[in-house]
Amino acid sequence: MTYIEAKNIDFAYPKRKKVINDISLKIYKKDITTIIGHNGGGKTTLGKLLAGILKPIDGDVFICGNNTKDMSLGQVGKKIGYLFQNPSRQIFTTNVCEELLFLSKLGGKESTEGYGEMERLLNFFELWEKKDEFTFNLSYGEKQRLALAAILMNKPEFLILDEPTTGLDKLRKTRLSRYLTRLEEEGVGMIIISHDLDFVKAHASRRIEIARGEIINDTR
């Protein structure tokens, strides 16, 4: 089943030439898809287009059959979670627990379900002992896990991870691999944007290579 579909999409940032040129592709939830390529080739831009964060200047992107041009970021976030390369960019509160409850507040009051999911995710990502910490005291790897846990509070069925191994040593990469494998086993689909070929080989069932804003290889 197609989860994301791009049809002849182009994209350019203001006053710059195109960085995505006439790309069409289908992304399936059952695949772990990786997007690889040199810096400046368009990997991150393509990822943000597929996540509905950016809108194409030509062509269309569909998530579960819905055109992203007609979807709010809130609607997109319930379908796809996007982990930025720098996790600090998507941490909005000063407390670990508060960060996870941020998206599950309704009418100023957290639900019992929200607390239960928070506890599950803190344990899943081995952050329970950090639950009362200030977020700015966390290590890089802990911030990454917190950002990913916060995304999963929305229960998206699909994740797009932008350079998730940046800044991680071998031990932290192994830990991240373990989390991603468990998420895959839970039925979460994924796109991993990376130049870390060893990490890609360990996880990818499909590899898409992009250069100069165009797909030059697709193993599917």
C-alpha atoms as a PDB file:
ATOM      1  CA  MET A   1       0.000   0.000   0.000  1.00  0.00           C
ATOM      2  CA  THR A   2       1.325   3.442  -0.965  1.00  0.00           C
ATOM      3  CA  TYR A   3       1.743   5.696   2.074  1.00  0.00           C
ATOM      4  CA  ILE A   4       3.387   8.694   0.377  1.00  0.00           C
ATOM      5  CA  GLU A   5       3.339   9.533  -3.318  1.00  0.00           C
ATOM      6  CA  ALA A   6       5.161  12.340  -5.109  1.00  0.00           C
ATOM      7  CA  LYS A   7       4.040  13.227  -8.626  1.00  0.00           C
ATOM      8  CA  ASN A   8       6.381  15.315 -10.779  1.00  0.00           C
ATOM      9  CA  ILE A   9       7.414  17.591  -7.930  1.00  0.00           C
ATOM     10  CA  ASP A  10       9.690  20.618  -8.284  1.00  0.00           C
ATOM     11  CA  PHE A  11      10.947  22.876  -5.531  1.00  0.00           C
ATOM     12  CA  ALA A  12      13.075  26.006  -5.285  1.00  0.00           C
ATOM     13  CA  TYR A  13      13.865  28.227  -2.329  1.00  0.00           C
ATOM     14  CA  PRO A  14      13.227  31.967  -2.865  1.00  0.00           C
ATOM     15  CA  LYS A  15      15.639  33.571  -5.341  1.00  0.00           C
ATOM     16  CA  ARG A  16      17.450  30.279  -5.923  1.00  0.00           C
ATOM     17  CA  LYS A  17      17.435  27.725  -8.700  1.00  0.00           C
ATOM     18  CA  LYS A  18      15.495  24.487  -8.377  1.00  0.00           C
ATOM     19  CA  VAL A  19      16.781  22.043  -5.807  1.00  0.00           C
ATOM     20  CA  ILE A  20      14.225  19.326  -6.659  1.00  0.00           C
ATOM     21  CA  ASN A  21      13.607  18.563 -10.321  1.00  0.00           C
ATOM     22  CA  ASP A  22      10.570  16.593 -11.525  1.00  0.00           C
ATOM     23  CA  ILE A  23      10.719  13.791  -8.956  1.00  0.00           C
ATOM     24  CA  SER A  24       8.058  11.091  -8.907  1.00  0.00           C
ATOM     25  CA  LEU A  25       8.083   8.177  -6.480  1.00  0.00           C
ATOM     26  CA  LYS A  26       5.931   6.022  -4.245  1.00  0.00           C
ATOM     27  CA  ILE A  27       6.852   5.234  -0.654  1.00  0.00           C
ATOM     28  CA  TYR A  28       5.469   2.088   0.957  1.00  0.00           C
ATOM     29  CA  LYS A  29       4.984   1.662   4.684  1.00  0.00           C
ATOM     30  CA  LYS A  30       6.382  -1.868   4.654  1.00  0.00           C
ATOM     31  CA  ASP A  31       9.761  -0.636   3.371  1.00  0.00           C
ATOM     32  CA  ILE A  32      12.508   1.003   5.388  1.00  0.00           C
ATOM     33  CA  THR A  33      13.523   3.517   2.751  1.00  0.00           C
ATOM     34  CA  THR A  34      16.772   5.454   2.891  1.00  0.00           C
ATOM     35  CA  ILE A  35      17.589   8.568   0.901  1.00  0.00           C
ATOM     36  CA  ILE A  36      21.314   8.949   0.298  1.00  0.00           C
ATOM     37  CA  GLY A  37      23.536  11.334  -1.632  1.00  0.00           C
ATOM     38  CA  HIS A  38      26.162  14.032  -1.256  1.00  0.00           C
ATOM     39  CA  ASN A  39      25.564  17.202   0.744  1.00  0.00           C
ATOM     40  CA  GLY A  40      23.603  19.768  -1.241  1.00  0.00           C
ATOM     41  CA  GLY A  41      22.019  17.137  -3.454  1.00  0.00           C
ATOM     42  CA  GLY A  42      18.489  17.726  -2.165  1.00  0.00           C
ATOM     43  CA  LYS A  43      18.053  14.935   0.407  1.00  0.00           C
ATOM     44  CA  THR A  44      16.693  17.051   3.240  1.00  0.00           C
ATOM     45  CA  THR A  45      14.512  19.143   0.937  1.00  0.00           C
ATOM     46  CA  LEU A  46      12.973  15.998  -0.543  1.00  0.00           C
ATOM     47  CA  GLY A  47      12.365  14.642   2.955  1.00  0.00           C
ATOM     48  CA  LYS A  48      10.565  17.823   4.017  1.00  0.00           C
ATOM     49  CA  LEU A  49       8.446  17.717   0.859  1.00  0.00           C
ATOM     50  CA  LEU A  50       7.477  14.095   1.516  1.00  0.00           C
ATOM     51  CA  ALA A  51       6.647  15.036   5.121  1.00  0.00           C
ATOM     52  CA  GLY A  52       4.420  17.940   4.067  1.00  0.00           C
ATOM     53  CA  ILE A  53       6.638  20.505   5.803  1.00  0.00           C
ATOM     54  CA  LEU A  54       7.441  22.107   2.443  1.00  0.00           C
ATOM     55  CA  LYS A  55       4.999  22.322  -0.462  1.00  0.00           C
ATOM     56  CA  PRO A  56       6.165  21.742  -4.058  1.00  0.00           C
ATOM     57  CA  ILE A  57       6.078  24.670  -6.482  1.00  0.00           C
ATOM     58  CA  ASP A  58       4.937  22.232  -9.170  1.00  0.00           C
ATOM     59  CA  GLY A  59       3.491  18.748  -8.862  1.00  0.00           C
ATOM     60  CA  ASP A  60       1.855  17.187  -5.827  1.00  0.00           C
ATOM     61  CA  VAL A  61       2.637  15.096  -2.767  1.00  0.00           C
ATOM     62  CA  PHE A  62      -0.026  12.803  -1.331  1.00  0.00           C
ATOM     63  CA  ILE A  63      -0.023  11.290   2.163  1.00  0.00           C
ATOM     64  CA  CYS A  64      -2.520   8.431   2.470  1.00  0.00           C
ATOM     65  CA  GLY A  65      -4.233   9.854  -0.624  1.00  0.00           C
ATOM     66  CA  ASN A  66      -4.471  13.415   0.737  1.00  0.00           C
ATOM     67  CA  ASN A  67      -2.711  16.267  -1.060  1.00  0.00           C
ATOM     68  CA  THR A  68      -0.288  17.983   1.336  1.00  0.00           C
ATOM     69  CA  LYS A  69      -1.293  21.339  -0.181  1.00  0.00           C
ATOM     70  CA  ASP A  70      -4.686  20.826   1.473  1.00  0.00           C
ATOM     71  CA  MET A  71      -3.325  19.624   4.831  1.00  0.00           C
ATOM     72  CA  SER A  72      -2.270  21.657   7.859  1.00  0.00           C
ATOM     73  CA  LEU A  73       0.965  20.789   9.657  1.00  0.00           C
ATOM     74  CA  GLY A  74      -1.175  19.441  12.501  1.00  0.00           C
ATOM     75  CA  GLN A  75      -2.960  17.059  10.135  1.00  0.00           C
ATOM     76  CA  VAL A  76       0.325  15.978   8.588  1.00  0.00           C
ATOM     77  CA  GLY A  77       1.849  15.420  12.037  1.00  0.00           C
ATOM     78  CA  LYS A  78      -0.771  12.799  12.840  1.00  0.00           C
ATOM     79  CA  LYS A  79       0.356  10.820   9.789  1.00  0.00           C
ATOM     80  CA  ILE A  80       4.104  11.493   9.650  1.00  0.00           C
ATOM     81  CA  GLY A  81       6.613  12.399  12.348  1.00  0.00           C
ATOM     82  CA  TYR A  82       9.726  14.279  11.210  1.00  0.00           C
ATOM     83  CA  LEU A  83      12.945  14.205  13.237  1.00  0.00           C
ATOM     84  CA  PHE A  84      15.192  17.139  12.379  1.00  0.00           C
ATOM     85  CA  GLN A  85      18.952  16.753  12.123  1.00  0.00           C
ATOM     86  CA  ASN A  86      19.382  18.939  15.215  1.00  0.00           C
ATOM     87  CA  PRO A  87      16.965  17.677  17.907  1.00  0.00           C
ATOM     88  CA  SER A  88      17.275  20.915  19.893  1.00  0.00           C
ATOM     89  CA  ARG A  89      15.258  22.617  17.145  1.00  0.00           C
ATOM     90  CA  GLN A  90      12.147  20.677  18.110  1.00  0.00           C
ATOM     91  CA  ILE A  91      12.320  20.708  21.895  1.00  0.00           C
ATOM     92  CA  PHE A  92       9.941  23.390  23.126  1.00  0.00           C
ATOM     93  CA  THR A  93       9.777  23.056  26.910  1.00  0.00           C
ATOM     94  CA  THR A  94      12.280  22.977  29.765  1.00  0.00           C
ATOM     95  CA  ASN A  95      11.181  19.705  31.385  1.00  0.00           C
ATOM     96  CA  VAL A  96      11.331  16.169  29.984  1.00  0.00           C
ATOM     97  CA  CYS A  97       7.815  15.127  31.067  1.00  0.00           C
ATOM     98  CA  GLU A  98       6.321  18.434  29.978  1.00  0.00           C
ATOM     99  CA  GLU A  99       7.880  17.998  26.542  1.00  0.00           C
ATOM    100  CA  LEU A 100       6.107  14.687  26.031  1.00  0.00           C
ATOM    101  CA  LEU A 101       2.771  15.992  27.297  1.00  0.00           C
ATOM    102  CA  PHE A 102       3.017  19.146  25.183  1.00  0.00           C
ATOM    103  CA  LEU A 103       1.139  17.630  22.236  1.00  0.00           C
ATOM    104  CA  SER A 104      -1.374  15.660  24.286  1.00  0.00           C
ATOM    105  CA  LYS A 105      -2.817  18.532  26.287  1.00  0.00           C
ATOM    106  CA  LEU A 106      -6.492  19.175  25.733  1.00  0.00           C
ATOM    107  CA  GLY A 107      -8.189  22.142  27.273  1.00  0.00           C
ATOM    108  CA  GLY A 108      -5.238  22.732  29.581  1.00  0.00           C
ATOM    109  CA  LYS A 109      -5.454  19.282  31.151  1.00  0.00           C
ATOM    110  CA  GLU A 110      -3.423  16.172  30.321  1.00  0.00           C
ATOM    111  CA  SER A 111      -5.435  13.006  29.762  1.00  0.00           C
ATOM    112  CA  THR A 112      -4.878   9.709  31.545  1.00  0.00           C
ATOM    113  CA  GLU A 113      -4.040   8.223  28.153  1.00  0.00           C
ATOM    114  CA  GLY A 114      -1.407  10.911  27.638  1.00  0.00           C
ATOM    115  CA  TYR A 115       0.278  10.086  30.937  1.00  0.00           C
ATOM    116  CA  GLY A 116       0.228   6.386  30.123  1.00  0.00           C
ATOM    117  CA  GLU A 117       1.776   6.929  26.713  1.00  0.00           C
ATOM    118  CA  MET A 118       4.384   9.249  28.214  1.00  0.00           C
ATOM    119  CA  GLU A 119       5.439   6.566  30.687  1.00  0.00           C
ATOM    120  CA  ARG A 120       5.597   3.935  27.942  1.00  0.00           C
ATOM    121  CA  LEU A 121       7.779   6.105  25.705  1.00  0.00           C
ATOM    122  CA  LEU A 122      10.094   7.196  28.509  1.00  0.00           C
ATOM    123  CA  ASN A 123      10.720   3.532  29.271  1.00  0.00           C
ATOM    124  CA  PHE A 124      10.965   2.602  25.578  1.00  0.00           C
ATOM    125  CA  PHE A 125      13.720   5.183  25.001  1.00  0.00           C
ATOM    126  CA  GLU A 126      15.414   4.578  28.371  1.00  0.00           C
ATOM    127  CA  LEU A 127      14.643   8.086  29.616  1.00  0.00           C
ATOM    128  CA  TRP A 128      12.601   7.251  32.715  1.00  0.00           C
ATOM    129  CA  GLU A 129      15.426   8.229  35.053  1.00  0.00           C
ATOM    130  CA  LYS A 130      15.586  11.601  33.262  1.00  0.00           C
ATOM    131  CA  LYS A 131      11.864  12.338  33.539  1.00  0.00           C
ATOM    132  CA  ASP A 132      12.324  15.268  35.940  1.00  0.00           C
ATOM    133  CA  GLU A 133      15.414  16.715  34.232  1.00  0.00           C
ATOM    134  CA  PHE A 134      15.657  20.089  32.566  1.00  0.00           C
ATOM    135  CA  THR A 135      15.808  19.468  28.816  1.00  0.00           C
ATOM    136  CA  PHE A 136      18.872  21.692  28.398  1.00  0.00           C
ATOM    137  CA  ASN A 137      20.820  19.385  30.741  1.00  0.00           C
ATOM    138  CA  LEU A 138      20.355  16.373  28.453  1.00  0.00           C
ATOM    139  CA  SER A 139      23.127  15.004  26.259  1.00  0.00           C
ATOM    140  CA  TYR A 140      22.815  15.160  22.470  1.00  0.00           C
ATOM    141  CA  GLY A 141      21.709  11.530  22.294  1.00  0.00           C
ATOM    142  CA  GLU A 142      19.166  12.030  25.079  1.00  0.00           C
ATOM    143  CA  LYS A 143      17.741  15.090  23.315  1.00  0.00           C
ATOM    144  CA  GLN A 144      17.399  13.055  20.137  1.00  0.00           C
ATOM    145  CA  ARG A 145      15.533  10.298  21.965  1.00  0.00           C
ATOM    146  CA  LEU A 146      13.320  12.853  23.697  1.00  0.00           C
ATOM    147  CA  ALA A 147      12.476  14.540  20.389  1.00  0.00           C
ATOM    148  CA  LEU A 148      11.628  11.172  18.859  1.00  0.00           C
ATOM    149  CA  ALA A 149       9.505  10.225  21.872  1.00  0.00           C
ATOM    150  CA  ALA A 150       7.638  13.544  21.643  1.00  0.00           C
ATOM    151  CA  ILE A 151       6.915  12.895  17.962  1.00  0.00           C
ATOM    152  CA  LEU A 152       5.548   9.458  18.824  1.00  0.00           C
ATOM    153  CA  MET A 153       3.107  10.948  21.355  1.00  0.00           C
ATOM    154  CA  ASN A 154       1.031  11.810  18.264  1.00  0.00           C
ATOM    155  CA  LYS A 155       1.119   8.119  17.274  1.00  0.00           C
ATOM    156  CA  PRO A 156       2.105   8.677  13.627  1.00  0.00           C
ATOM    157  CA  GLU A 157       2.325   5.559  11.499  1.00  0.00           C
ATOM    158  CA  PHE A 158       5.375   6.835   9.634  1.00  0.00           C
ATOM    159  CA  LEU A 159       8.658   8.576  10.527  1.00  0.00           C
ATOM    160  CA  ILE A 160      11.145  10.573   8.476  1.00  0.00           C
ATOM    161  CA  LEU A 161      14.533  10.853  10.181  1.00  0.00           C
ATOM    162  CA  ASP A 162      17.020  13.444   8.892  1.00  0.00           C
ATOM    163  CA  GLU A 163      20.646  12.381   9.462  1.00  0.00           C
ATOM    164  CA  PRO A 164      19.811  10.592  12.738  1.00  0.00           C
ATOM    165  CA  THR A 165      23.396   9.368  13.316  1.00  0.00           C
ATOM    166  CA  THR A 166      25.000  12.831  13.180  1.00  0.00           C
ATOM    167  CA  GLY A 167      26.917  13.468  16.404  1.00  0.00           C
ATOM    168  CA  LEU A 168      26.463   9.903  17.687  1.00  0.00           C
ATOM    169  CA  ASP A 169      29.350   7.639  18.650  1.00  0.00           C
ATOM    170  CA  LYS A 170      29.331   3.900  17.949  1.00  0.00           C
ATOM    171  CA  LEU A 171      27.524   3.031  21.189  1.00  0.00           C
ATOM    172  CA  ARG A 172      24.777   5.591  20.602  1.00  0.00           C
ATOM    173  CA  LYS A 173      24.371   4.438  16.992  1.00  0.00           C
ATOM    174  CA  THR A 174      23.886   0.882  18.246  1.00  0.00           C
ATOM    175  CA  ARG A 175      21.274   2.111  20.708  1.00  0.00           C
ATOM    176  CA  LEU A 176      19.478   4.081  17.980  1.00  0.00           C
ATOM    177  CA  SER A 177      19.500   0.992  15.750  1.00  0.00           C
ATOM    178  CA  ARG A 178      17.816  -0.968  18.520  1.00  0.00           C
ATOM    179  CA  TYR A 179      15.054   1.620  18.895  1.00  0.00           C
ATOM    180  CA  LEU A 180      14.419   1.797  15.146  1.00  0.00           C
ATOM    181  CA  THR A 181      14.249  -1.985  14.861  1.00  0.00           C
ATOM    182  CA  ARG A 182      11.670  -2.093  17.656  1.00  0.00           C
ATOM    183  CA  LEU A 183       9.613   0.647  15.988  1.00  0.00           C
ATOM    184  CA  GLU A 184       9.718  -1.283  12.721  1.00  0.00           C
ATOM    185  CA  GLU A 185       8.465  -4.366  14.568  1.00  0.00           C
ATOM    186  CA  GLU A 186       5.572  -2.252  15.883  1.00  0.00           C
ATOM    187  CA  GLY A 187       4.584  -1.439  12.287  1.00  0.00           C
ATOM    188  CA  VAL A 188       5.976   2.088  12.011  1.00  0.00           C
ATOM    189  CA  GLY A 189       7.159   2.921   8.482  1.00  0.00           C
ATOM    190  CA  MET A 190      10.346   4.930   7.985  1.00  0.00           C
ATOM    191  CA  ILE A 191      12.435   7.049   5.675  1.00  0.00           C
ATOM    192  CA  ILE A 192      16.010   7.557   6.863  1.00  0.00           C
ATOM    193  CA  ILE A 193      17.929  10.425   5.254  1.00  0.00           C
ATOM    194  CA  SER A 194      21.632   9.756   5.731  1.00  0.00           C
ATOM    195  CA  HIS A 195      25.144   9.803   4.338  1.00  0.00           C
ATOM    196  CA  ASP A 196      26.151   7.122   6.874  1.00  0.00           C
ATOM    197  CA  LEU A 197      26.297   4.170   4.488  1.00  0.00           C
ATOM    198  CA  ASP A 198      27.045   1.552   7.149  1.00  0.00           C
ATOM    199  CA  PHE A 199      23.956   2.593   9.107  1.00  0.00           C
ATOM    200  CA  VAL A 200      21.916   2.630   5.898  1.00  0.00           C
ATOM    201  CA  LYS A 201      23.012  -0.884   4.961  1.00  0.00           C
ATOM    202  CA  ALA A 202      21.996  -2.167   8.393  1.00  0.00           C
ATOM    203  CA  HIS A 203      18.428  -0.899   8.091  1.00  0.00           C
ATOM    204  CA  ALA A 204      17.377  -0.218   4.518  1.00  0.00           C
ATOM    205  CA  SER A 205      15.185  -2.476   2.446  1.00  0.00           C
ATOM    206  CA  ARG A 206      15.171   0.228  -0.243  1.00  0.00           C
ATOM    207  CA  ARG A 207      17.785   2.850  -1.127  1.00  0.00           C
ATOM    208  CA  ILE A 208      17.093   5.984  -3.137  1.00  0.00           C
ATOM    209  CA  GLU A 209      20.093   8.020  -4.262  1.00  0.00           C
ATOM    210  CA  ILE A 210      19.614  11.665  -5.119  1.00  0.00           C
ATOM    211  CA  ALA A 211      21.997  14.102  -6.827  1.00  0.00           C
ATOM    212  CA  ARG A 212      21.400  17.620  -8.130  1.00  0.00           C
ATOM    213  CA  GLY A 213      17.759  17.344  -7.142  1.00  0.00           C
ATOM    214  CA  GLU A 214      17.076  14.197  -9.168  1.00  0.00           C
ATOM    215  CA  ILE A 215      16.796  10.499  -8.357  1.00  0.00           C
ATOM    216  CA  ILE A 216      19.750   8.731  -9.949  1.00  0.00           C
ATOM    217  CA  ASN A 217      19.211   5.288  -8.413  1.00  0.00           C
ATOM    218  CA  ASP A 218      16.360   3.425  -6.718  1.00  0.00           C
ATOM    219  CA  THR A 219      16.830  -0.170  -5.580  1.00  0.00           C
ATOM    220  CA  ARG A 220      13.113  -0.958  -5.484  1.00  0.00           C
END
